């Protein structure tokens, strides 16, 4: 009787050990590290692009300020501040990828998880900008007309060109941002699955 119980327990132990080995092997540490390095590189490039955008906005404001009236200057200044605000917030969301410390595999997984969550927020915000980007430009032309900084004919002309360009550009940007949000969500789900497997193995 005892022998049968011992044999049964031994078999259970062997199966448990085999199951744990299979789960652990699913966590490819080198793959995780490579993914983390690529993620950091991409986010740092985006970080540079964001601040270059701010510099371009400041440069645009500087070189066009003499041609603008009071309304135009105030509007451009607000856009510069808005762009800077978004850039600072995006930098905050990218903070996980901007660190230079050496991490263990477990930390790589956790950092990737945090960064993917942030990337989903960034992609969602980028998608939302396609809604109010046309409104901002139309309000600018309308305000310039009201404050006599733009003639009615020029307002209509520039407004129509803007609507035409944005009707092509905004859907493309929306699809791009939406696809990125979906991709990051899938990668986040995969990481959380790995973490769940890891926790299950440790609790065996």
C-alpha atoms as a PDB file:
ATOM      1  CA  UNK A   1       0.000   0.000   0.000  1.00  0.00           C
ATOM      2  CA  UNK A   2       2.754   2.415   1.009  1.00  0.00           C
ATOM      3  CA  UNK A   3       4.749   1.405  -2.041  1.00  0.00           C
ATOM      4  CA  UNK A   4       1.853   2.241  -4.359  1.00  0.00           C
ATOM      5  CA  UNK A   5       1.412   5.606  -2.695  1.00  0.00           C
ATOM      6  CA  UNK A   6       5.123   6.374  -2.962  1.00  0.00           C
ATOM      7  CA  UNK A   7       5.167   5.375  -6.629  1.00  0.00           C
ATOM      8  CA  UNK A   8       2.164   7.587  -7.287  1.00  0.00           C
ATOM      9  CA  UNK A   9       3.738  10.525  -5.450  1.00  0.00           C
ATOM     10  CA  UNK A  10       6.982  10.022  -7.340  1.00  0.00           C
ATOM     11  CA  UNK A  11       5.164  10.089 -10.637  1.00  0.00           C
ATOM     12  CA  UNK A  12       3.375  13.291  -9.659  1.00  0.00           C
ATOM     13  CA  UNK A  13       6.693  14.878  -8.713  1.00  0.00           C
ATOM     14  CA  UNK A  14       8.226  13.910 -12.052  1.00  0.00           C
ATOM     15  CA  UNK A  15       5.241  15.315 -13.980  1.00  0.00           C
ATOM     16  CA  UNK A  16       5.348  18.518 -11.951  1.00  0.00           C
ATOM     17  CA  UNK A  17       9.060  18.867 -12.606  1.00  0.00           C
ATOM     18  CA  UNK A  18       8.580  18.275 -16.337  1.00  0.00           C
ATOM     19  CA  UNK A  19       5.733  20.790 -16.500  1.00  0.00           C
ATOM     20  CA  UNK A  20       7.821  23.408 -14.743  1.00  0.00           C
ATOM     21  CA  UNK A  21      10.721  22.885 -17.132  1.00  0.00           C
ATOM     22  CA  UNK A  22       8.420  23.372 -20.110  1.00  0.00           C
ATOM     23  CA  UNK A  23       7.017  26.597 -18.665  1.00  0.00           C
ATOM     24  CA  UNK A  24      10.405  27.968 -17.750  1.00  0.00           C
ATOM     25  CA  UNK A  25      11.801  27.208 -21.194  1.00  0.00           C
ATOM     26  CA  UNK A  26       9.009  29.343 -22.656  1.00  0.00           C
ATOM     27  CA  UNK A  27      10.619  32.393 -21.081  1.00  0.00           C
ATOM     28  CA  UNK A  28      13.451  33.086 -23.520  1.00  0.00           C
ATOM     29  CA  UNK A  29      15.656  35.508 -21.600  1.00  0.00           C
ATOM     30  CA  UNK A  30      17.703  36.434 -24.669  1.00  0.00           C
ATOM     31  CA  UNK A  31      14.553  37.172 -26.662  1.00  0.00           C
ATOM     32  CA  UNK A  32      13.225  39.357 -23.840  1.00  0.00           C
ATOM     33  CA  UNK A  33      16.513  41.267 -23.616  1.00  0.00           C
ATOM     34  CA  UNK A  34      16.605  41.783 -27.391  1.00  0.00           C
ATOM     35  CA  UNK A  35      13.006  43.016 -27.380  1.00  0.00           C
ATOM     36  CA  UNK A  36      13.792  45.417 -24.539  1.00  0.00           C
ATOM     37  CA  UNK A  37      16.842  46.815 -26.366  1.00  0.00           C
ATOM     38  CA  UNK A  38      14.799  47.407 -29.522  1.00  0.00           C
ATOM     39  CA  UNK A  39      12.038  49.030 -27.512  1.00  0.00           C
ATOM     40  CA  UNK A  40      14.490  51.354 -25.774  1.00  0.00           C
ATOM     41  CA  UNK A  41      16.111  52.339 -29.075  1.00  0.00           C
ATOM     42  CA  UNK A  42      12.758  53.127 -30.701  1.00  0.00           C
ATOM     43  CA  UNK A  43      11.482  55.115 -27.733  1.00  0.00           C
ATOM     44  CA  UNK A  44      14.699  57.145 -27.546  1.00  0.00           C
ATOM     45  CA  UNK A  45      14.389  57.956 -31.239  1.00  0.00           C
ATOM     46  CA  UNK A  46      10.781  59.054 -30.692  1.00  0.00           C
ATOM     47  CA  UNK A  47      11.978  61.113 -27.727  1.00  0.00           C
ATOM     48  CA  UNK A  48      14.417  62.974 -30.003  1.00  0.00           C
ATOM     49  CA  UNK A  49      11.766  63.459 -32.693  1.00  0.00           C
ATOM     50  CA  UNK A  50       9.361  64.901 -30.099  1.00  0.00           C
ATOM     51  CA  UNK A  51      11.829  67.555 -28.967  1.00  0.00           C
ATOM     52  CA  UNK A  52      12.866  68.342 -32.535  1.00  0.00           C
ATOM     53  CA  UNK A  53       9.172  69.016 -33.189  1.00  0.00           C
ATOM     54  CA  UNK A  54       9.152  71.520 -30.339  1.00  0.00           C
ATOM     55  CA  UNK A  55      12.235  73.243 -31.774  1.00  0.00           C
ATOM     56  CA  UNK A  56      10.580  73.381 -35.204  1.00  0.00           C
ATOM     57  CA  UNK A  57       7.478  74.955 -33.690  1.00  0.00           C
ATOM     58  CA  UNK A  58       9.613  77.548 -31.898  1.00  0.00           C
ATOM     59  CA  UNK A  59      11.517  78.222 -35.118  1.00  0.00           C
ATOM     60  CA  UNK A  60       8.276  78.573 -37.079  1.00  0.00           C
ATOM     61  CA  UNK A  61       6.970  81.020 -34.507  1.00  0.00           C
ATOM     62  CA  UNK A  62      10.194  83.024 -34.576  1.00  0.00           C
ATOM     63  CA  UNK A  63      10.427  83.341 -38.361  1.00  0.00           C
ATOM     64  CA  UNK A  64       6.726  84.033 -38.948  1.00  0.00           C
ATOM     65  CA  UNK A  65       6.021  86.299 -35.966  1.00  0.00           C
ATOM     66  CA  UNK A  66       6.701  89.475 -37.979  1.00  0.00           C
ATOM     67  CA  UNK A  67       4.049  88.480 -40.510  1.00  0.00           C
ATOM     68  CA  UNK A  68       1.453  87.665 -37.866  1.00  0.00           C
ATOM     69  CA  UNK A  69      -0.880  89.983 -36.004  1.00  0.00           C
ATOM     70  CA  UNK A  70      -1.650  89.836 -32.293  1.00  0.00           C
ATOM     71  CA  UNK A  71      -4.127  86.988 -32.700  1.00  0.00           C
ATOM     72  CA  UNK A  72      -1.705  84.977 -34.843  1.00  0.00           C
ATOM     73  CA  UNK A  73       1.154  85.452 -32.372  1.00  0.00           C
ATOM     74  CA  UNK A  74      -0.981  84.440 -29.392  1.00  0.00           C
ATOM     75  CA  UNK A  75      -2.288  81.410 -31.300  1.00  0.00           C
ATOM     76  CA  UNK A  76       1.189  80.280 -32.334  1.00  0.00           C
ATOM     77  CA  UNK A  77       2.478  80.771 -28.788  1.00  0.00           C
ATOM     78  CA  UNK A  78      -0.366  78.591 -27.492  1.00  0.00           C
ATOM     79  CA  UNK A  79       0.539  75.901 -30.035  1.00  0.00           C
ATOM     80  CA  UNK A  80       4.182  76.002 -28.935  1.00  0.00           C
ATOM     81  CA  UNK A  81       3.140  75.627 -25.288  1.00  0.00           C
ATOM     82  CA  UNK A  82       0.719  72.830 -26.197  1.00  0.00           C
ATOM     83  CA  UNK A  83       3.388  71.005 -28.207  1.00  0.00           C
ATOM     84  CA  UNK A  84       5.881  71.378 -25.360  1.00  0.00           C
ATOM     85  CA  UNK A  85       3.305  70.083 -22.880  1.00  0.00           C
ATOM     86  CA  UNK A  86       2.605  67.002 -24.999  1.00  0.00           C
ATOM     87  CA  UNK A  87       6.326  66.404 -25.467  1.00  0.00           C
ATOM     88  CA  UNK A  88       6.972  66.527 -21.725  1.00  0.00           C
ATOM     89  CA  UNK A  89       4.064  64.167 -21.079  1.00  0.00           C
ATOM     90  CA  UNK A  90       5.212  61.781 -23.813  1.00  0.00           C
ATOM     91  CA  UNK A  91       8.714  61.852 -22.321  1.00  0.00           C
ATOM     92  CA  UNK A  92       7.199  60.909 -18.972  1.00  0.00           C
ATOM     93  CA  UNK A  93       5.402  57.972 -20.605  1.00  0.00           C
ATOM     94  CA  UNK A  94       8.661  56.896 -22.258  1.00  0.00           C
ATOM     95  CA  UNK A  95      10.583  57.091 -18.973  1.00  0.00           C
ATOM     96  CA  UNK A  96      10.867  53.307 -18.645  1.00  0.00           C
ATOM     97  CA  UNK A  97      12.791  53.096 -21.931  1.00  0.00           C
ATOM     98  CA  UNK A  98      15.003  56.111 -21.185  1.00  0.00           C
ATOM     99  CA  UNK A  99      16.855  54.501 -18.262  1.00  0.00           C
ATOM    100  CA  UNK A 100      20.415  53.268 -18.705  1.00  0.00           C
ATOM    101  CA  UNK A 101      20.625  50.770 -15.833  1.00  0.00           C
ATOM    102  CA  UNK A 102      21.408  47.092 -16.380  1.00  0.00           C
ATOM    103  CA  UNK A 103      18.418  44.906 -15.557  1.00  0.00           C
ATOM    104  CA  UNK A 104      17.735  41.246 -14.889  1.00  0.00           C
ATOM    105  CA  UNK A 105      15.414  39.245 -17.140  1.00  0.00           C
ATOM    106  CA  UNK A 106      12.561  39.674 -14.655  1.00  0.00           C
ATOM    107  CA  UNK A 107      13.112  43.442 -14.652  1.00  0.00           C
ATOM    108  CA  UNK A 108      13.204  43.475 -18.453  1.00  0.00           C
ATOM    109  CA  UNK A 109       9.772  41.852 -18.502  1.00  0.00           C
ATOM    110  CA  UNK A 110       8.379  44.304 -15.951  1.00  0.00           C
ATOM    111  CA  UNK A 111       9.873  47.311 -17.756  1.00  0.00           C
ATOM    112  CA  UNK A 112       8.507  46.095 -21.076  1.00  0.00           C
ATOM    113  CA  UNK A 113       5.103  45.692 -19.456  1.00  0.00           C
ATOM    114  CA  UNK A 114       5.164  49.259 -18.136  1.00  0.00           C
ATOM    115  CA  UNK A 115       6.448  50.662 -21.432  1.00  0.00           C
ATOM    116  CA  UNK A 116       3.829  48.827 -23.485  1.00  0.00           C
ATOM    117  CA  UNK A 117       1.142  50.293 -21.221  1.00  0.00           C
ATOM    118  CA  UNK A 118       2.624  53.747 -21.870  1.00  0.00           C
ATOM    119  CA  UNK A 119       2.884  53.066 -25.606  1.00  0.00           C
ATOM    120  CA  UNK A 120      -0.829  52.242 -25.685  1.00  0.00           C
ATOM    121  CA  UNK A 121      -1.552  55.620 -24.053  1.00  0.00           C
ATOM    122  CA  UNK A 122       0.701  57.411 -26.546  1.00  0.00           C
ATOM    123  CA  UNK A 123      -0.918  55.662 -29.521  1.00  0.00           C
ATOM    124  CA  UNK A 124      -4.376  56.484 -28.138  1.00  0.00           C
ATOM    125  CA  UNK A 125      -3.441  60.165 -27.758  1.00  0.00           C
ATOM    126  CA  UNK A 126      -2.001  60.228 -31.289  1.00  0.00           C
ATOM    127  CA  UNK A 127      -5.244  58.744 -32.568  1.00  0.00           C
ATOM    128  CA  UNK A 128      -7.267  61.363 -30.711  1.00  0.00           C
ATOM    129  CA  UNK A 129      -5.228  64.241 -32.180  1.00  0.00           C
ATOM    130  CA  UNK A 130      -6.687  63.416 -35.587  1.00  0.00           C
ATOM    131  CA  UNK A 131     -10.081  64.504 -34.237  1.00  0.00           C
ATOM    132  CA  UNK A 132      -9.162  67.980 -33.051  1.00  0.00           C
ATOM    133  CA  UNK A 133      -6.284  68.809 -35.431  1.00  0.00           C
ATOM    134  CA  UNK A 134      -8.674  70.012 -38.201  1.00  0.00           C
ATOM    135  CA  UNK A 135     -10.672  72.001 -35.635  1.00  0.00           C
ATOM    136  CA  UNK A 136      -7.559  73.838 -34.406  1.00  0.00           C
ATOM    137  CA  UNK A 137      -6.581  74.950 -37.914  1.00  0.00           C
ATOM    138  CA  UNK A 138     -10.101  75.944 -38.908  1.00  0.00           C
ATOM    139  CA  UNK A 139     -10.496  77.991 -35.717  1.00  0.00           C
ATOM    140  CA  UNK A 140      -7.155  79.661 -36.459  1.00  0.00           C
ATOM    141  CA  UNK A 141      -8.284  80.816 -39.925  1.00  0.00           C
ATOM    142  CA  UNK A 142     -11.676  81.881 -38.562  1.00  0.00           C
ATOM    143  CA  UNK A 143     -10.041  83.839 -35.730  1.00  0.00           C
ATOM    144  CA  UNK A 144      -7.575  85.483 -38.124  1.00  0.00           C
ATOM    145  CA  UNK A 145     -10.521  86.606 -40.267  1.00  0.00           C
ATOM    146  CA  UNK A 146     -12.468  87.945 -37.263  1.00  0.00           C
ATOM    147  CA  UNK A 147      -9.459  89.944 -36.069  1.00  0.00           C
ATOM    148  CA  UNK A 148      -8.857  91.307 -39.603  1.00  0.00           C
ATOM    149  CA  UNK A 149      -5.579  89.448 -40.042  1.00  0.00           C
ATOM    150  CA  UNK A 150      -6.901  87.437 -42.982  1.00  0.00           C
ATOM    151  CA  UNK A 151      -9.310  88.383 -45.754  1.00  0.00           C
ATOM    152  CA  UNK A 152     -12.459  86.368 -46.339  1.00  0.00           C
ATOM    153  CA  UNK A 153     -11.136  85.078 -49.677  1.00  0.00           C
ATOM    154  CA  UNK A 154      -7.842  83.982 -48.083  1.00  0.00           C
ATOM    155  CA  UNK A 155      -9.681  82.343 -45.194  1.00  0.00           C
ATOM    156  CA  UNK A 156     -11.838  80.306 -47.567  1.00  0.00           C
ATOM    157  CA  UNK A 157      -8.872  79.435 -49.790  1.00  0.00           C
ATOM    158  CA  UNK A 158      -6.615  78.324 -46.927  1.00  0.00           C
ATOM    159  CA  UNK A 159      -9.513  76.593 -45.177  1.00  0.00           C
ATOM    160  CA  UNK A 160     -10.373  74.504 -48.229  1.00  0.00           C
ATOM    161  CA  UNK A 161      -6.721  73.530 -48.777  1.00  0.00           C
ATOM    162  CA  UNK A 162      -6.412  72.590 -45.107  1.00  0.00           C
ATOM    163  CA  UNK A 163      -9.582  70.487 -45.165  1.00  0.00           C
ATOM    164  CA  UNK A 164      -8.409  68.717 -48.326  1.00  0.00           C
ATOM    165  CA  UNK A 165      -4.955  67.925 -46.931  1.00  0.00           C
ATOM    166  CA  UNK A 166      -6.261  66.809 -43.528  1.00  0.00           C
ATOM    167  CA  UNK A 167      -8.979  64.664 -45.109  1.00  0.00           C
ATOM    168  CA  UNK A 168      -6.122  62.599 -46.561  1.00  0.00           C
ATOM    169  CA  UNK A 169      -3.602  62.887 -43.728  1.00  0.00           C
ATOM    170  CA  UNK A 170      -5.829  62.385 -40.666  1.00  0.00           C
ATOM    171  CA  UNK A 171      -7.317  58.995 -41.683  1.00  0.00           C
ATOM    172  CA  UNK A 172      -3.805  57.718 -42.411  1.00  0.00           C
ATOM    173  CA  UNK A 173      -2.564  58.911 -39.006  1.00  0.00           C
ATOM    174  CA  UNK A 174      -5.644  57.444 -37.310  1.00  0.00           C
ATOM    175  CA  UNK A 175      -5.117  54.015 -38.876  1.00  0.00           C
ATOM    176  CA  UNK A 176      -1.389  54.117 -38.019  1.00  0.00           C
ATOM    177  CA  UNK A 177      -2.034  55.041 -34.373  1.00  0.00           C
ATOM    178  CA  UNK A 178      -4.872  52.534 -34.059  1.00  0.00           C
ATOM    179  CA  UNK A 179      -2.719  49.707 -35.415  1.00  0.00           C
ATOM    180  CA  UNK A 180       0.074  50.621 -32.987  1.00  0.00           C
ATOM    181  CA  UNK A 181      -2.346  50.592 -30.053  1.00  0.00           C
ATOM    182  CA  UNK A 182      -3.595  47.136 -31.047  1.00  0.00           C
ATOM    183  CA  UNK A 183      -0.050  45.798 -31.538  1.00  0.00           C
ATOM    184  CA  UNK A 184       1.146  47.074 -28.176  1.00  0.00           C
ATOM    185  CA  UNK A 185      -1.949  45.583 -26.509  1.00  0.00           C
ATOM    186  CA  UNK A 186      -1.156  42.182 -28.037  1.00  0.00           C
ATOM    187  CA  UNK A 187       2.465  42.397 -26.896  1.00  0.00           C
ATOM    188  CA  UNK A 188       1.315  43.445 -23.419  1.00  0.00           C
ATOM    189  CA  UNK A 189      -1.088  40.484 -23.261  1.00  0.00           C
ATOM    190  CA  UNK A 190       1.746  38.144 -24.273  1.00  0.00           C
ATOM    191  CA  UNK A 191       4.013  39.538 -21.531  1.00  0.00           C
ATOM    192  CA  UNK A 192       1.300  39.223 -18.911  1.00  0.00           C
ATOM    193  CA  UNK A 193       0.790  35.619 -20.002  1.00  0.00           C
ATOM    194  CA  UNK A 194       4.512  34.960 -19.478  1.00  0.00           C
ATOM    195  CA  UNK A 195       4.340  36.546 -16.027  1.00  0.00           C
ATOM    196  CA  UNK A 196       1.305  34.432 -15.120  1.00  0.00           C
ATOM    197  CA  UNK A 197       3.133  31.269 -16.210  1.00  0.00           C
ATOM    198  CA  UNK A 198       6.194  32.330 -14.218  1.00  0.00           C
ATOM    199  CA  UNK A 199       4.135  32.948 -11.077  1.00  0.00           C
ATOM    200  CA  UNK A 200       2.402  29.598 -11.508  1.00  0.00           C
ATOM    201  CA  UNK A 201       5.762  27.830 -11.793  1.00  0.00           C
ATOM    202  CA  UNK A 202       7.116  29.518  -8.673  1.00  0.00           C
ATOM    203  CA  UNK A 203       4.014  28.521  -6.701  1.00  0.00           C
ATOM    204  CA  UNK A 204       4.259  24.845  -7.678  1.00  0.00           C
END
